[in-house]
């Protein structure tokens, strides 16, 4: 299929076997290639100060297959999936996490 404009469609397949004609249907979900995520800049923070970290993933389709993981080194700060989101058209997905500056975060 080329130039698919519907994000969630049914495809019909017709075939004949002898004198019998059959129709088979299947659902087709179109996936959009991921665009780079955008992570908002974090301002300089004093130890103990907090800032809302925001990560945006543009034009995601279908959203329910997306998992966003925010990490600092090997530490997972937040993991969010969207499996209950049934939007099939491309949308911007935003994930937020409250960061609190620690002494070991210098640099």
N, C-alpha and C. Protein backbone atom coordinates (compact mmCIF):
# COMPACT_ATOMS: atom_id res chain seq x y z
N UNK A 1 0.83 -1.18 0.00
CA UNK A 1 0.00 0.00 0.00
C UNK A 1 0.88 1.24 0.00
N UNK A 2 0.48 2.22 -0.78
CA UNK A 2 1.22 3.48 -0.86
C UNK A 2 0.30 4.64 -0.55
N UNK A 3 0.85 5.70 0.02
CA UNK A 3 0.11 6.94 0.29
C UNK A 3 -1.16 6.69 1.10
N UNK A 4 -1.05 5.92 2.15
CA UNK A 4 -2.20 5.64 3.00
C UNK A 4 -2.53 6.91 3.78
N UNK A 5 -3.80 7.32 3.74
CA UNK A 5 -4.21 8.54 4.42
C UNK A 5 -5.08 8.27 5.64
N UNK A 6 -5.55 7.06 5.80
CA UNK A 6 -6.33 6.68 6.97
C UNK A 6 -5.39 5.97 7.93
N UNK A 7 -5.52 6.28 9.24
CA UNK A 7 -4.61 5.72 10.23
C UNK A 7 -5.04 4.36 10.75
N UNK A 8 -6.32 4.04 10.61
CA UNK A 8 -6.82 2.76 11.10
C UNK A 8 -7.95 2.33 10.16
N UNK A 9 -7.69 1.37 9.30
CA UNK A 9 -8.66 1.00 8.27
C UNK A 9 -8.81 -0.52 8.20
N UNK A 10 -9.87 -0.94 7.56
CA UNK A 10 -10.06 -2.35 7.25
C UNK A 10 -9.70 -2.57 5.78
N UNK A 11 -8.98 -3.64 5.52
CA UNK A 11 -8.59 -3.98 4.17
C UNK A 11 -9.36 -5.23 3.77
N UNK A 12 -9.92 -5.20 2.57
CA UNK A 12 -10.67 -6.34 2.04
C UNK A 12 -9.82 -7.06 1.01
N UNK A 13 -9.83 -8.37 1.06
CA UNK A 13 -9.13 -9.20 0.09
C UNK A 13 -10.15 -10.14 -0.54
N UNK A 14 -10.28 -10.07 -1.84
CA UNK A 14 -11.22 -10.92 -2.56
C UNK A 14 -10.44 -12.01 -3.29
N UNK A 15 -10.96 -13.24 -3.24
CA UNK A 15 -10.32 -14.31 -4.00
C UNK A 15 -11.37 -15.32 -4.42
N UNK A 16 -11.03 -16.05 -5.46
CA UNK A 16 -11.93 -17.09 -5.97
C UNK A 16 -11.21 -18.42 -5.96
N UNK A 17 -11.96 -19.44 -5.58
CA UNK A 17 -11.45 -20.80 -5.61
C UNK A 17 -12.51 -21.64 -6.29
N UNK A 18 -12.24 -22.04 -7.52
CA UNK A 18 -13.26 -22.75 -8.29
C UNK A 18 -14.40 -21.78 -8.59
N UNK A 19 -15.62 -22.19 -8.28
CA UNK A 19 -16.78 -21.32 -8.50
C UNK A 19 -17.14 -20.50 -7.26
N UNK A 20 -16.35 -20.61 -6.22
CA UNK A 20 -16.67 -19.95 -4.97
C UNK A 20 -15.81 -18.68 -4.78
N UNK A 21 -16.48 -17.58 -4.52
CA UNK A 21 -15.78 -16.31 -4.28
C UNK A 21 -15.80 -16.00 -2.78
N UNK A 22 -14.65 -15.62 -2.24
CA UNK A 22 -14.52 -15.36 -0.81
C UNK A 22 -14.01 -13.92 -0.58
N UNK A 23 -14.34 -13.41 0.59
CA UNK A 23 -13.86 -12.10 1.02
C UNK A 23 -13.28 -12.26 2.42
N UNK A 24 -12.08 -11.74 2.61
CA UNK A 24 -11.42 -11.78 3.91
C UNK A 24 -11.10 -10.33 4.28
N UNK A 25 -11.34 -9.97 5.55
CA UNK A 25 -11.00 -8.62 6.00
C UNK A 25 -9.94 -8.70 7.09
N UNK A 26 -9.16 -7.65 7.15
CA UNK A 26 -8.19 -7.51 8.23
C UNK A 26 -8.06 -6.03 8.56
N UNK A 27 -7.71 -5.74 9.80
CA UNK A 27 -7.49 -4.34 10.21
C UNK A 27 -6.04 -3.97 9.94
N UNK A 28 -5.86 -2.76 9.46
CA UNK A 28 -4.53 -2.25 9.15
C UNK A 28 -4.30 -1.01 10.00
N UNK A 29 -3.24 -1.02 10.80
CA UNK A 29 -2.87 0.14 11.59
C UNK A 29 -1.61 0.73 10.98
N UNK A 30 -1.66 2.01 10.67
CA UNK A 30 -0.52 2.70 10.07
C UNK A 30 0.33 3.30 11.18
N UNK A 31 1.63 3.05 11.14
CA UNK A 31 2.57 3.60 12.11
C UNK A 31 3.34 4.74 11.47
N UNK A 32 3.52 5.80 12.22
CA UNK A 32 4.30 6.92 11.74
C UNK A 32 5.71 6.78 12.33
N UNK A 33 6.76 6.95 11.51
CA UNK A 33 8.12 6.88 12.07
C UNK A 33 8.30 7.94 13.15
N UNK A 34 8.98 7.57 14.23
CA UNK A 34 9.19 8.51 15.33
C UNK A 34 10.09 9.66 14.92
N UNK A 35 9.68 10.85 15.36
CA UNK A 35 10.52 12.03 15.22
C UNK A 35 11.31 12.17 16.52
N UNK A 36 12.43 12.90 16.49
CA UNK A 36 13.22 13.05 17.72
C UNK A 36 12.41 13.70 18.85
N UNK A 37 12.60 13.19 20.05
CA UNK A 37 11.98 13.78 21.23
C UNK A 37 12.67 15.10 21.54
N UNK A 38 11.92 16.02 22.15
CA UNK A 38 12.46 17.32 22.53
C UNK A 38 12.39 17.43 24.04
N UNK A 39 13.55 17.65 24.66
CA UNK A 39 13.64 17.78 26.11
C UNK A 39 13.89 19.25 26.43
N UNK A 40 12.96 19.85 27.20
CA UNK A 40 13.13 21.26 27.57
C UNK A 40 14.40 21.44 28.39
N UNK A 41 15.04 22.60 28.21
CA UNK A 41 16.25 22.90 28.97
C UNK A 41 15.92 23.06 30.45
N UNK A 42 16.83 22.62 31.28
CA UNK A 42 16.68 22.77 32.73
C UNK A 42 17.56 23.94 33.15
N UNK A 43 16.98 24.95 33.81
CA UNK A 43 17.81 26.07 34.24
C UNK A 43 18.74 25.66 35.37
N UNK A 44 19.72 26.52 35.67
CA UNK A 44 20.59 26.25 36.82
C UNK A 44 19.73 26.24 38.07
N UNK A 45 19.95 25.22 38.90
CA UNK A 45 19.19 25.08 40.14
C UNK A 45 20.14 24.94 41.31
N UNK A 46 19.78 25.55 42.43
CA UNK A 46 20.54 25.35 43.66
C UNK A 46 20.10 24.02 44.26
N UNK A 47 20.94 23.41 45.07
CA UNK A 47 20.60 22.15 45.73
C UNK A 47 19.28 22.33 46.48
N UNK A 48 18.36 21.40 46.23
CA UNK A 48 17.05 21.44 46.88
C UNK A 48 15.98 22.13 46.05
N UNK A 49 16.36 22.92 45.03
CA UNK A 49 15.37 23.55 44.16
C UNK A 49 14.82 22.54 43.18
N UNK A 50 13.57 22.76 42.76
CA UNK A 50 12.90 21.83 41.84
C UNK A 50 12.54 22.52 40.53
N UNK A 51 12.39 21.70 39.50
CA UNK A 51 11.99 22.18 38.17
C UNK A 51 11.22 21.07 37.47
N UNK A 52 10.16 21.45 36.77
CA UNK A 52 9.36 20.48 36.01
C UNK A 52 10.06 20.18 34.69
N UNK A 53 10.59 18.98 34.55
CA UNK A 53 11.24 18.54 33.32
C UNK A 53 10.16 18.08 32.35
N UNK A 54 10.21 18.57 31.11
CA UNK A 54 9.20 18.21 30.12
C UNK A 54 9.87 17.62 28.88
N UNK A 55 9.36 16.48 28.46
CA UNK A 55 9.81 15.81 27.24
C UNK A 55 8.62 15.72 26.29
N UNK A 56 8.81 16.18 25.05
CA UNK A 56 7.74 16.14 24.05
C UNK A 56 8.17 15.25 22.88
N UNK A 57 7.25 14.39 22.46
CA UNK A 57 7.49 13.55 21.29
C UNK A 57 6.44 13.96 20.26
N UNK A 58 6.87 14.59 19.14
CA UNK A 58 5.90 15.11 18.17
C UNK A 58 5.37 14.03 17.22
N UNK A 59 4.13 14.23 16.79
CA UNK A 59 3.52 13.45 15.71
C UNK A 59 3.59 11.94 15.92
N UNK A 60 3.17 11.47 17.08
CA UNK A 60 3.18 10.04 17.37
C UNK A 60 1.88 9.41 16.89
N UNK A 61 1.99 8.30 16.18
CA UNK A 61 0.81 7.54 15.75
C UNK A 61 1.21 6.09 15.53
N UNK A 62 0.50 5.14 16.10
CA UNK A 62 -0.52 5.28 17.13
C UNK A 62 0.12 5.49 18.51
N UNK A 63 -0.52 6.29 19.32
CA UNK A 63 0.04 6.65 20.62
C UNK A 63 0.11 5.45 21.56
N UNK A 64 -0.85 4.54 21.48
CA UNK A 64 -0.90 3.46 22.47
C UNK A 64 0.29 2.51 22.40
N UNK A 65 1.10 2.59 21.39
CA UNK A 65 2.30 1.75 21.29
C UNK A 65 3.55 2.45 21.82
N UNK A 66 3.43 3.71 22.26
CA UNK A 66 4.58 4.49 22.69
C UNK A 66 4.90 4.26 24.17
N UNK A 67 6.19 4.17 24.48
CA UNK A 67 6.68 4.15 25.86
C UNK A 67 7.78 5.21 25.93
N UNK A 68 7.66 6.13 26.90
CA UNK A 68 8.68 7.16 27.11
C UNK A 68 9.37 6.88 28.43
N UNK A 69 10.69 6.83 28.39
CA UNK A 69 11.48 6.59 29.60
C UNK A 69 12.44 7.76 29.77
N UNK A 70 12.33 8.44 30.92
CA UNK A 70 13.26 9.51 31.26
C UNK A 70 14.31 8.93 32.19
N UNK A 71 15.59 9.11 31.82
CA UNK A 71 16.68 8.53 32.60
C UNK A 71 17.71 9.59 32.93
N UNK A 72 18.37 9.37 34.05
CA UNK A 72 19.56 10.14 34.42
C UNK A 72 20.65 9.11 34.66
N UNK A 73 21.56 8.99 33.71
CA UNK A 73 22.55 7.92 33.77
C UNK A 73 21.83 6.58 33.68
N UNK A 74 22.07 5.70 34.63
CA UNK A 74 21.42 4.39 34.65
C UNK A 74 20.11 4.41 35.43
N UNK A 75 19.82 5.53 36.09
CA UNK A 75 18.62 5.63 36.93
C UNK A 75 17.40 6.03 36.10
N UNK A 76 16.33 5.25 36.20
CA UNK A 76 15.08 5.60 35.52
C UNK A 76 14.31 6.56 36.41
N UNK A 77 14.08 7.76 35.87
CA UNK A 77 13.33 8.78 36.61
C UNK A 77 11.83 8.57 36.45
N UNK A 78 11.42 8.22 35.24
CA UNK A 78 10.00 8.03 34.96
C UNK A 78 9.85 7.16 33.71
N UNK A 79 8.87 6.28 33.77
CA UNK A 79 8.52 5.45 32.61
C UNK A 79 7.01 5.57 32.43
N UNK A 80 6.59 5.99 31.25
CA UNK A 80 5.17 6.18 31.01
C UNK A 80 4.78 5.51 29.70
N UNK A 81 3.72 4.70 29.77
CA UNK A 81 3.19 4.11 28.54
C UNK A 81 1.80 4.69 28.29
N UNK A 82 1.32 4.51 27.10
CA UNK A 82 0.08 5.13 26.66
C UNK A 82 -0.88 4.08 26.10
N UNK A 83 -0.79 2.85 26.62
CA UNK A 83 -1.57 1.74 26.07
C UNK A 83 -3.08 1.94 26.15
N UNK A 84 -3.55 2.82 27.02
CA UNK A 84 -4.99 3.08 27.12
C UNK A 84 -5.45 4.22 26.22
N UNK A 85 -4.50 4.85 25.52
CA UNK A 85 -4.82 5.96 24.63
C UNK A 85 -5.15 5.41 23.25
N UNK A 86 -6.37 5.62 22.79
CA UNK A 86 -6.83 5.03 21.53
C UNK A 86 -6.77 5.97 20.34
N UNK A 87 -6.13 7.14 20.48
CA UNK A 87 -6.01 8.04 19.33
C UNK A 87 -5.11 7.40 18.28
N UNK A 88 -5.57 7.41 17.04
CA UNK A 88 -4.76 6.83 15.97
C UNK A 88 -4.13 7.91 15.09
N UNK A 89 -4.67 9.14 15.17
CA UNK A 89 -4.09 10.23 14.39
C UNK A 89 -2.85 10.75 15.11
N UNK A 90 -1.88 11.30 14.35
CA UNK A 90 -0.66 11.82 14.98
C UNK A 90 -0.96 12.93 15.99
N UNK A 91 -0.28 12.86 17.13
CA UNK A 91 -0.41 13.86 18.19
C UNK A 91 0.93 14.05 18.88
N UNK A 92 1.03 15.18 19.57
CA UNK A 92 2.21 15.43 20.40
C UNK A 92 1.96 14.78 21.76
N UNK A 93 2.94 14.01 22.23
CA UNK A 93 2.85 13.39 23.54
C UNK A 93 3.83 14.12 24.46
N UNK A 94 3.36 14.42 25.67
CA UNK A 94 4.19 15.14 26.63
C UNK A 94 4.29 14.35 27.93
N UNK A 95 5.51 14.22 28.43
CA UNK A 95 5.75 13.54 29.70
C UNK A 95 6.50 14.51 30.60
N UNK A 96 6.06 14.60 31.86
CA UNK A 96 6.70 15.52 32.79
C UNK A 96 7.19 14.78 34.03
N UNK A 97 8.27 15.33 34.60
CA UNK A 97 8.83 14.77 35.82
C UNK A 97 9.41 15.91 36.64
N UNK A 98 9.10 15.94 37.93
CA UNK A 98 9.62 16.98 38.81
C UNK A 98 11.04 16.60 39.26
N UNK A 99 12.00 17.43 38.85
CA UNK A 99 13.40 17.24 39.24
C UNK A 99 13.73 18.09 40.45
N UNK A 100 14.44 17.54 41.38
CA UNK A 100 14.96 18.30 42.51
C UNK A 100 16.48 18.18 42.49
N UNK A 101 17.14 19.32 42.44
CA UNK A 101 18.61 19.33 42.33
C UNK A 101 19.25 18.71 43.58
N UNK A 102 20.25 17.85 43.31
CA UNK A 102 21.03 17.23 44.39
C UNK A 102 22.49 17.62 44.21
N UNK A 103 23.25 17.55 45.28
CA UNK A 103 24.66 17.93 45.21
C UNK A 103 25.41 17.12 44.13
N UNK A 104 25.10 15.83 43.99
CA UNK A 104 25.80 14.98 43.01
C UNK A 104 25.39 15.28 41.56
N UNK A 105 24.40 16.17 41.35
CA UNK A 105 23.97 16.53 40.00
C UNK A 105 24.83 17.60 39.37
N UNK A 106 25.84 18.09 40.05
CA UNK A 106 26.67 19.18 39.54
C UNK A 106 27.25 18.82 38.18
N UNK A 107 27.04 19.70 37.20
CA UNK A 107 27.60 19.50 35.87
C UNK A 107 26.55 19.15 34.91
